[in-house]
Amino acid sequence: SAYIQVTESGTGKTYIDEPIRDAKVPSANDWQPLEMLVLIDRAGLVVPPTVSRSSTADGVDDFFRSYLENGLHLGERLGPGSYVVTIGR
């Protein structure tokens, strides 16, 4: 299982702070907490999430990058801005 926290870059205000229940997290045993930067405008995600601190497992980084775009739908849940996404377990 994993846990996600999404905060606004400029203010540090937390918008999402919850366990990830609806995604099958890869079974890599030795991954570390990761951090991604997300930019959102009125149309949704501006670019795919950018990994700023890797989990040290490429498959885990790729999984969560896709999850933020297609599973969590951050572009639909948050207003325009810059956000820091931290994922751990």
PDB file of N, CA and C in Angstrom:
ATOM      1  N   SER A   1       0.836  -1.182   0.000  1.00  0.00           N
ATOM      2  CA  SER A   1       0.000   0.000   0.000  1.00  0.00           C
ATOM      3  C   SER A   1       0.881   1.246   0.000  1.00  0.00           C
ATOM      4  N   ALA A   2       0.269   2.365  -0.281  1.00  0.00           N
ATOM      5  CA  ALA A   2       1.009   3.628  -0.354  1.00  0.00           C
ATOM      6  C   ALA A   2       0.123   4.756   0.165  1.00  0.00           C
ATOM      7  N   TYR A   3       0.749   5.896   0.388  1.00  0.00           N
ATOM      8  CA  TYR A   3       0.077   7.076   0.917  1.00  0.00           C
ATOM      9  C   TYR A   3       0.479   8.268   0.065  1.00  0.00           C
ATOM     10  N   ILE A   4      -0.455   9.179  -0.195  1.00  0.00           N
ATOM     11  CA  ILE A   4      -0.169  10.331  -1.043  1.00  0.00           C
ATOM     12  C   ILE A   4      -0.506  11.629  -0.318  1.00  0.00           C
ATOM     13  N   GLN A   5       0.346  12.612  -0.535  1.00  0.00           N
ATOM     14  CA  GLN A   5       0.092  13.955  -0.014  1.00  0.00           C
ATOM     15  C   GLN A   5       0.370  14.942  -1.146  1.00  0.00           C
ATOM     16  N   VAL A   6      -0.564  15.843  -1.384  1.00  0.00           N
ATOM     17  CA  VAL A   6      -0.426  16.865  -2.418  1.00  0.00           C
ATOM     18  C   VAL A   6      -0.519  18.231  -1.753  1.00  0.00           C
ATOM     19  N   THR A   7       0.547  19.031  -1.930  1.00  0.00           N
ATOM     20  CA  THR A   7       0.574  20.374  -1.365  1.00  0.00           C
ATOM     21  C   THR A   7       0.846  21.396  -2.457  1.00  0.00           C
ATOM     22  N   GLU A   8       0.328  22.584  -2.268  1.00  0.00           N
ATOM     23  CA  GLU A   8       0.576  23.676  -3.214  1.00  0.00           C
ATOM     24  C   GLU A   8       2.009  24.176  -3.020  1.00  0.00           C
ATOM     25  N   SER A   9       2.722  24.361  -4.118  1.00  0.00           N
ATOM     26  CA  SER A   9       4.137  24.744  -4.050  1.00  0.00           C
ATOM     27  C   SER A   9       4.367  26.048  -3.301  1.00  0.00           C
ATOM     28  N   GLY A  10       3.634  27.066  -3.617  1.00  0.00           N
ATOM     29  CA  GLY A  10       3.888  28.382  -3.040  1.00  0.00           C
ATOM     30  C   GLY A  10       3.485  28.534  -1.591  1.00  0.00           C
ATOM     31  N   THR A  11       2.374  27.914  -1.199  1.00  0.00           N
ATOM     32  CA  THR A  11       1.833  28.125   0.140  1.00  0.00           C
ATOM     33  C   THR A  11       2.057  26.965   1.095  1.00  0.00           C
ATOM     34  N   GLY A  12       2.291  25.774   0.564  1.00  0.00           N
ATOM     35  CA  GLY A  12       2.422  24.584   1.404  1.00  0.00           C
ATOM     36  C   GLY A  12       1.083  24.039   1.875  1.00  0.00           C
ATOM     37  N   LYS A  13      -0.014  24.634   1.387  1.00  0.00           N
ATOM     38  CA  LYS A  13      -1.350  24.176   1.772  1.00  0.00           C
ATOM     39  C   LYS A  13      -1.579  22.761   1.242  1.00  0.00           C
ATOM     40  N   THR A  14      -2.077  21.884   2.113  1.00  0.00           N
ATOM     41  CA  THR A  14      -2.332  20.494   1.740  1.00  0.00           C
ATOM     42  C   THR A  14      -3.733  20.362   1.148  1.00  0.00           C
ATOM     43  N   TYR A  15      -3.806  19.737  -0.022  1.00  0.00           N
ATOM     44  CA  TYR A  15      -5.091  19.517  -0.698  1.00  0.00           C
ATOM     45  C   TYR A  15      -5.521  18.057  -0.653  1.00  0.00           C
ATOM     46  N   ILE A  16      -4.562  17.145  -0.694  1.00  0.00           N
ATOM     47  CA  ILE A  16      -4.869  15.718  -0.622  1.00  0.00           C
ATOM     48  C   ILE A  16      -3.890  15.100   0.365  1.00  0.00           C
ATOM     49  N   ASP A  17      -4.416  14.284   1.273  1.00  0.00           N
ATOM     50  CA  ASP A  17      -3.600  13.611   2.275  1.00  0.00           C
ATOM     51  C   ASP A  17      -4.344  12.322   2.622  1.00  0.00           C
ATOM     52  N   GLU A  18      -4.039  11.239   1.889  1.00  0.00           N
ATOM     53  CA  GLU A  18      -4.853  10.040   2.032  1.00  0.00           C
ATOM     54  C   GLU A  18      -4.104   8.788   1.574  1.00  0.00           C
ATOM     55  N   PRO A  19      -4.558   7.619   2.018  1.00  0.00           N
ATOM     56  CA  PRO A  19      -3.977   6.376   1.510  1.00  0.00           C
ATOM     57  C   PRO A  19      -4.411   6.156   0.062  1.00  0.00           C
ATOM     58  N   ILE A  20      -3.584   5.475  -0.685  1.00  0.00           N
ATOM     59  CA  ILE A  20      -3.931   5.096  -2.054  1.00  0.00           C
ATOM     60  C   ILE A  20      -4.563   3.719  -1.970  1.00  0.00           C
ATOM     61  N   ARG A  21      -5.859   3.662  -2.188  1.00  0.00           N
ATOM     62  CA  ARG A  21      -6.594   2.401  -2.032  1.00  0.00           C
ATOM     63  C   ARG A  21      -6.970   1.763  -3.359  1.00  0.00           C
ATOM     64  N   ASP A  22      -7.110   2.566  -4.385  1.00  0.00           N
ATOM     65  CA  ASP A  22      -7.667   2.076  -5.640  1.00  0.00           C
ATOM     66  C   ASP A  22      -6.620   1.752  -6.693  1.00  0.00           C
ATOM     67  N   ALA A  23      -5.363   1.622  -6.317  1.00  0.00           N
ATOM     68  CA  ALA A  23      -4.306   1.339  -7.285  1.00  0.00           C
ATOM     69  C   ALA A  23      -3.484   0.153  -6.809  1.00  0.00           C
ATOM     70  N   LYS A  24      -3.096  -0.669  -7.741  1.00  0.00           N
ATOM     71  CA  LYS A  24      -2.249  -1.818  -7.423  1.00  0.00           C
ATOM     72  C   LYS A  24      -0.797  -1.372  -7.523  1.00  0.00           C
ATOM     73  N   VAL A  25      -0.221  -1.039  -6.393  1.00  0.00           N
ATOM     74  CA  VAL A  25       1.145  -0.533  -6.323  1.00  0.00           C
ATOM     75  C   VAL A  25       2.122  -1.649  -6.671  1.00  0.00           C
ATOM     76  N   PRO A  26       3.129  -1.370  -7.502  1.00  0.00           N
ATOM     77  CA  PRO A  26       4.116  -2.401  -7.841  1.00  0.00           C
ATOM     78  C   PRO A  26       4.732  -2.998  -6.579  1.00  0.00           C
ATOM     79  N   SER A  27       5.143  -4.250  -6.682  1.00  0.00           N
ATOM     80  CA  SER A  27       5.622  -4.960  -5.498  1.00  0.00           C
ATOM     81  C   SER A  27       7.121  -4.824  -5.262  1.00  0.00           C
ATOM     82  N   ALA A  28       7.735  -3.777  -5.765  1.00  0.00           N
ATOM     83  CA  ALA A  28       9.156  -3.546  -5.479  1.00  0.00           C
ATOM     84  C   ALA A  28       9.311  -3.345  -3.972  1.00  0.00           C
ATOM     85  N   ASN A  29      10.153  -4.135  -3.358  1.00  0.00           N
ATOM     86  CA  ASN A  29      10.284  -4.106  -1.902  1.00  0.00           C
ATOM     87  C   ASN A  29      11.119  -2.952  -1.380  1.00  0.00           C
ATOM     88  N   ASP A  30      12.029  -2.463  -2.182  1.00  0.00           N
ATOM     89  CA  ASP A  30      13.001  -1.515  -1.658  1.00  0.00           C
ATOM     90  C   ASP A  30      12.842  -0.099  -2.192  1.00  0.00           C
ATOM     91  N   TRP A  31      11.625   0.319  -2.514  1.00  0.00           N
ATOM     92  CA  TRP A  31      11.461   1.684  -3.017  1.00  0.00           C
ATOM     93  C   TRP A  31      11.344   2.672  -1.864  1.00  0.00           C
ATOM     94  N   GLN A  32      11.828   3.865  -2.139  1.00  0.00           N
ATOM     95  CA  GLN A  32      11.845   4.953  -1.171  1.00  0.00           C
ATOM     96  C   GLN A  32      10.697   5.927  -1.474  1.00  0.00           C
ATOM     97  N   PRO A  33      10.320   6.776  -0.514  1.00  0.00           N
ATOM     98  CA  PRO A  33       9.320   7.803  -0.816  1.00  0.00           C
ATOM     99  C   PRO A  33       9.774   8.637  -2.018  1.00  0.00           C
ATOM    100  N   LEU A  34       8.835   9.010  -2.867  1.00  0.00           N
ATOM    101  CA  LEU A  34       9.175   9.804  -4.041  1.00  0.00           C
ATOM    102  C   LEU A  34       8.408  11.108  -4.039  1.00  0.00           C
ATOM    103  N   GLU A  35       8.903  12.039  -4.839  1.00  0.00           N
ATOM    104  CA  GLU A  35       8.292  13.359  -4.927  1.00  0.00           C
ATOM    105  C   GLU A  35       8.198  13.754  -6.390  1.00  0.00           C
ATOM    106  N   MET A  36       7.069  14.315  -6.761  1.00  0.00           N
ATOM    107  CA  MET A  36       6.851  14.783  -8.125  1.00  0.00           C
ATOM    108  C   MET A  36       6.311  16.201  -8.100  1.00  0.00           C
ATOM    109  N   LEU A  37       6.611  16.929  -9.153  1.00  0.00           N
ATOM    110  CA  LEU A  37       6.068  18.266  -9.346  1.00  0.00           C
ATOM    111  C   LEU A  37       4.992  18.187 -10.413  1.00  0.00           C
ATOM    112  N   VAL A  38       3.878  18.860 -10.157  1.00  0.00           N
ATOM    113  CA  VAL A  38       2.739  18.830 -11.063  1.00  0.00           C
ATOM    114  C   VAL A  38       2.299  20.258 -11.348  1.00  0.00           C
ATOM    115  N   LEU A  39       2.114  20.569 -12.630  1.00  0.00           N
ATOM    116  CA  LEU A  39       1.584  21.873 -13.036  1.00  0.00           C
ATOM    117  C   LEU A  39       0.196  21.666 -13.628  1.00  0.00           C
ATOM    118  N   ILE A  40      -0.751  22.480 -13.174  1.00  0.00           N
ATOM    119  CA  ILE A  40      -2.134  22.357 -13.633  1.00  0.00           C
ATOM    120  C   ILE A  40      -2.617  23.721 -14.093  1.00  0.00           C
ATOM    121  N   ASP A  41      -3.282  23.734 -15.261  1.00  0.00           N
ATOM    122  CA  ASP A  41      -3.948  24.953 -15.707  1.00  0.00           C
ATOM    123  C   ASP A  41      -5.436  24.652 -15.842  1.00  0.00           C
ATOM    124  N   ARG A  42      -6.199  25.550 -16.431  1.00  0.00           N
ATOM    125  CA  ARG A  42      -7.659  25.363 -16.530  1.00  0.00           C
ATOM    126  C   ARG A  42      -8.048  24.111 -17.308  1.00  0.00           C
ATOM    127  N   ALA A  43      -7.188  23.657 -18.220  1.00  0.00           N
ATOM    128  CA  ALA A  43      -7.477  22.485 -19.029  1.00  0.00           C
ATOM    129  C   ALA A  43      -7.033  21.182 -18.359  1.00  0.00           C
ATOM    130  N   GLY A  44      -6.315  21.263 -17.248  1.00  0.00           N
ATOM    131  CA  GLY A  44      -5.838  20.061 -16.563  1.00  0.00           C
ATOM    132  C   GLY A  44      -4.326  20.068 -16.456  1.00  0.00           C
ATOM    133  N   LEU A  45      -3.729  18.874 -16.418  1.00  0.00           N
ATOM    134  CA  LEU A  45      -2.274  18.774 -16.324  1.00  0.00           C
ATOM    135  C   LEU A  45      -1.613  19.432 -17.519  1.00  0.00           C
ATOM    136  N   VAL A  46      -0.610  20.268 -17.264  1.00  0.00           N
ATOM    137  CA  VAL A  46       0.099  20.961 -18.340  1.00  0.00           C
ATOM    138  C   VAL A  46       1.078  20.013 -19.011  1.00  0.00           C
ATOM    139  N   VAL A  47       1.824  19.279 -18.239  1.00  0.00           N
ATOM    140  CA  VAL A  47       2.776  18.282 -18.738  1.00  0.00           C
ATOM    141  C   VAL A  47       2.673  17.077 -17.816  1.00  0.00           C
ATOM    142  N   PRO A  48       3.204  15.936 -18.206  1.00  0.00           N
ATOM    143  CA  PRO A  48       3.203  14.812 -17.263  1.00  0.00           C
ATOM    144  C   PRO A  48       3.960  15.182 -15.988  1.00  0.00           C
ATOM    145  N   PRO A  49       3.596  14.587 -14.859  1.00  0.00           N
ATOM    146  CA  PRO A  49       4.300  14.857 -13.607  1.00  0.00           C
ATOM    147  C   PRO A  49       5.805  14.638 -13.757  1.00  0.00           C
ATOM    148  N   THR A  50       6.583  15.493 -13.115  1.00  0.00           N
ATOM    149  CA  THR A  50       8.039  15.434 -13.174  1.00  0.00           C
ATOM    150  C   THR A  50       8.574  14.900 -11.850  1.00  0.00           C
ATOM    151  N   VAL A  51       9.355  13.831 -11.921  1.00  0.00           N
ATOM    152  CA  VAL A  51       9.946  13.259 -10.710  1.00  0.00           C
ATOM    153  C   VAL A  51      11.061  14.178 -10.229  1.00  0.00           C
ATOM    154  N   SER A  52      10.944  14.665  -8.994  1.00  0.00           N
ATOM    155  CA  SER A  52      11.991  15.509  -8.425  1.00  0.00           C
ATOM    156  C   SER A  52      12.822  14.748  -7.394  1.00  0.00           C
ATOM    157  N   ARG A  53      12.255  13.681  -6.839  1.00  0.00           N
ATOM    158  CA  ARG A  53      13.000  12.775  -5.958  1.00  0.00           C
ATOM    159  C   ARG A  53      12.504  11.360  -6.252  1.00  0.00           C
ATOM    160  N   SER A  54      13.366  10.541  -6.802  1.00  0.00           N
ATOM    161  CA  SER A  54      13.007   9.204  -7.260  1.00  0.00           C
ATOM    162  C   SER A  54      12.791   8.234  -6.098  1.00  0.00           C
ATOM    163  N   SER A  55      12.011   7.220  -6.370  1.00  0.00           N
ATOM    164  CA  SER A  55      11.798   6.132  -5.414  1.00  0.00           C
ATOM    165  C   SER A  55      12.976   5.162  -5.424  1.00  0.00           C
ATOM    166  N   THR A  56      13.890   5.348  -6.343  1.00  0.00           N
ATOM    167  CA  THR A  56      15.036   4.470  -6.642  1.00  0.00           C
ATOM    168  C   THR A  56      14.625   3.183  -7.336  1.00  0.00           C
ATOM    169  N   ALA A  57      13.385   3.104  -7.768  1.00  0.00           N
ATOM    170  CA  ALA A  57      12.891   1.962  -8.545  1.00  0.00           C
ATOM    171  C   ALA A  57      12.128   2.531  -9.737  1.00  0.00           C
ATOM    172  N   ASP A  58      12.707   2.414 -10.933  1.00  0.00           N
ATOM    173  CA  ASP A  58      12.109   3.024 -12.120  1.00  0.00           C
ATOM    174  C   ASP A  58      10.660   2.600 -12.344  1.00  0.00           C
ATOM    175  N   GLY A  59      10.348   1.343 -12.124  1.00  0.00           N
ATOM    176  CA  GLY A  59       8.980   0.870 -12.319  1.00  0.00           C
ATOM    177  C   GLY A  59       7.997   1.542 -11.386  1.00  0.00           C
ATOM    178  N   VAL A  60       8.428   1.831 -10.175  1.00  0.00           N
ATOM    179  CA  VAL A  60       7.568   2.508  -9.197  1.00  0.00           C
ATOM    180  C   VAL A  60       7.352   3.961  -9.612  1.00  0.00           C
ATOM    181  N   ASP A  61       8.420   4.642 -10.025  1.00  0.00           N
ATOM    182  CA  ASP A  61       8.287   6.026 -10.504  1.00  0.00           C
ATOM    183  C   ASP A  61       7.310   6.090 -11.679  1.00  0.00           C
ATOM    184  N   ASP A  62       7.492   5.188 -12.649  1.00  0.00           N
ATOM    185  CA  ASP A  62       6.622   5.170 -13.828  1.00  0.00           C
ATOM    186  C   ASP A  62       5.179   4.881 -13.450  1.00  0.00           C
ATOM    187  N   PHE A  63       4.977   3.929 -12.544  1.00  0.00           N
ATOM    188  CA  PHE A  63       3.630   3.582 -12.111  1.00  0.00           C
ATOM    189  C   PHE A  63       2.914   4.800 -11.518  1.00  0.00           C
ATOM    190  N   PHE A  64       3.582   5.489 -10.589  1.00  0.00           N
ATOM    191  CA  PHE A  64       2.922   6.608  -9.928  1.00  0.00           C
ATOM    192  C   PHE A  64       2.765   7.816 -10.850  1.00  0.00           C
ATOM    193  N   ARG A  65       3.664   8.018 -11.786  1.00  0.00           N
ATOM    194  CA  ARG A  65       3.493   9.087 -12.774  1.00  0.00           C
ATOM    195  C   ARG A  65       2.204   8.838 -13.559  1.00  0.00           C
ATOM    196  N   SER A  66       2.010   7.616 -14.012  1.00  0.00           N
ATOM    197  CA  SER A  66       0.793   7.261 -14.748  1.00  0.00           C
ATOM    198  C   SER A  66      -0.437   7.341 -13.834  1.00  0.00           C
ATOM    199  N   TYR A  67      -0.303   6.910 -12.601  1.00  0.00           N
ATOM    200  CA  TYR A  67      -1.420   6.944 -11.657  1.00  0.00           C
ATOM    201  C   TYR A  67      -1.906   8.375 -11.427  1.00  0.00           C
ATOM    202  N   LEU A  68      -0.983   9.316 -11.304  1.00  0.00           N
ATOM    203  CA  LEU A  68      -1.384  10.714 -11.094  1.00  0.00           C
ATOM    204  C   LEU A  68      -2.158  11.256 -12.286  1.00  0.00           C
ATOM    205  N   GLU A  69      -1.761  10.859 -13.490  1.00  0.00           N
ATOM    206  CA  GLU A  69      -2.440  11.335 -14.698  1.00  0.00           C
ATOM    207  C   GLU A  69      -3.769  10.635 -14.934  1.00  0.00           C
ATOM    208  N   ASN A  70      -3.783   9.309 -14.791  1.00  0.00           N
ATOM    209  CA  ASN A  70      -4.924   8.520 -15.241  1.00  0.00           C
ATOM    210  C   ASN A  70      -5.792   7.924 -14.137  1.00  0.00           C
ATOM    211  N   GLY A  71      -5.248   7.761 -12.943  1.00  0.00           N
ATOM    212  CA  GLY A  71      -6.008   7.147 -11.860  1.00  0.00           C
ATOM    213  C   GLY A  71      -6.552   8.155 -10.878  1.00  0.00           C
ATOM    214  N   LEU A  72      -5.707   9.069 -10.448  1.00  0.00           N
ATOM    215  CA  LEU A  72      -6.103  10.065  -9.454  1.00  0.00           C
ATOM    216  C   LEU A  72      -6.752  11.287 -10.093  1.00  0.00           C
ATOM    217  N   HIS A  73      -6.487  11.507 -11.369  1.00  0.00           N
ATOM    218  CA  HIS A  73      -7.067  12.627 -12.121  1.00  0.00           C
ATOM    219  C   HIS A  73      -6.846  13.966 -11.411  1.00  0.00           C
ATOM    220  N   LEU A  74      -5.584  14.244 -11.098  1.00  0.00           N
ATOM    221  CA  LEU A  74      -5.266  15.483 -10.392  1.00  0.00           C
ATOM    222  C   LEU A  74      -5.739  16.722 -11.128  1.00  0.00           C
ATOM    223  N   GLY A  75      -5.664  16.704 -12.452  1.00  0.00           N
ATOM    224  CA  GLY A  75      -6.083  17.857 -13.241  1.00  0.00           C
ATOM    225  C   GLY A  75      -7.541  18.204 -13.065  1.00  0.00           C
ATOM    226  N   GLU A  76      -8.343  17.229 -12.664  1.00  0.00           N
ATOM    227  CA  GLU A  76      -9.761  17.449 -12.437  1.00  0.00           C
ATOM    228  C   GLU A  76     -10.070  17.778 -10.977  1.00  0.00           C
ATOM    229  N   ARG A  77      -9.175  17.432 -10.079  1.00  0.00           N
ATOM    230  CA  ARG A  77      -9.421  17.609  -8.646  1.00  0.00           C
ATOM    231  C   ARG A  77      -8.858  18.901  -8.070  1.00  0.00           C
ATOM    232  N   LEU A  78      -7.867  19.475  -8.764  1.00  0.00           N
ATOM    233  CA  LEU A  78      -7.188  20.663  -8.242  1.00  0.00           C
ATOM    234  C   LEU A  78      -7.326  21.838  -9.188  1.00  0.00           C
ATOM    235  N   GLY A  79      -7.273  23.027  -8.642  1.00  0.00           N
ATOM    236  CA  GLY A  79      -7.306  24.230  -9.464  1.00  0.00           C
ATOM    237  C   GLY A  79      -5.949  24.509 -10.079  1.00  0.00           C
ATOM    238  N   PRO A  80      -5.896  25.484 -10.973  1.00  0.00           N
ATOM    239  CA  PRO A  80      -4.608  25.844 -11.593  1.00  0.00           C
ATOM    240  C   PRO A  80      -3.553  26.183 -10.556  1.00  0.00           C
ATOM    241  N   GLY A  81      -2.339  25.706 -10.804  1.00  0.00           N
ATOM    242  CA  GLY A  81      -1.239  25.991  -9.891  1.00  0.00           C
ATOM    243  C   GLY A  81      -0.131  24.973 -10.011  1.00  0.00           C
ATOM    244  N   SER A  82       0.824  25.103  -9.116  1.00  0.00           N
ATOM    245  CA  SER A  82       1.970  24.222  -9.050  1.00  0.00           C
ATOM    246  C   SER A  82       1.891  23.438  -7.746  1.00  0.00           C
ATOM    247  N   TYR A  83       2.050  22.126  -7.826  1.00  0.00           N
ATOM    248  CA  TYR A  83       1.860  21.268  -6.666  1.00  0.00           C
ATOM    249  C   TYR A  83       3.031  20.310  -6.496  1.00  0.00           C
ATOM    250  N   VAL A  84       3.280  19.947  -5.239  1.00  0.00           N
ATOM    251  CA  VAL A  84       4.279  18.940  -4.900  1.00  0.00           C
ATOM    252  C   VAL A  84       3.513  17.709  -4.428  1.00  0.00           C
ATOM    253  N   VAL A  85       3.797  16.569  -5.051  1.00  0.00           N
ATOM    254  CA  VAL A  85       3.150  15.321  -4.701  1.00  0.00           C
ATOM    255  C   VAL A  85       4.192  14.420  -4.043  1.00  0.00           C
ATOM    256  N   THR A  86       3.914  13.994  -2.828  1.00  0.00           N
ATOM    257  CA  THR A  86       4.799  13.084  -2.109  1.00  0.00           C
ATOM    258  C   THR A  86       4.069  11.767  -1.922  1.00  0.00           C
ATOM    259  N   ILE A  87       4.744  10.674  -2.275  1.00  0.00           N
ATOM    260  CA  ILE A  87       4.150   9.341  -2.154  1.00  0.00           C
ATOM    261  C   ILE A  87       5.106   8.457  -1.361  1.00  0.00           C
ATOM    262  N   GLY A  88       4.593   7.835  -0.335  1.00  0.00           N
ATOM    263  CA  GLY A  88       5.379   6.926   0.485  1.00  0.00           C
ATOM    264  C   GLY A  88       4.532   5.758   0.909  1.00  0.00           C
ATOM    265  N   ARG A  89       5.044   5.007   1.865  1.00  0.00           N
ATOM    266  CA  ARG A  89       4.248   3.902   2.394  1.00  0.00           C
ATOM    267  C   ARG A  89       4.360   3.811   3.876  1.00  0.00           C
TER     268      ARG A  89
END
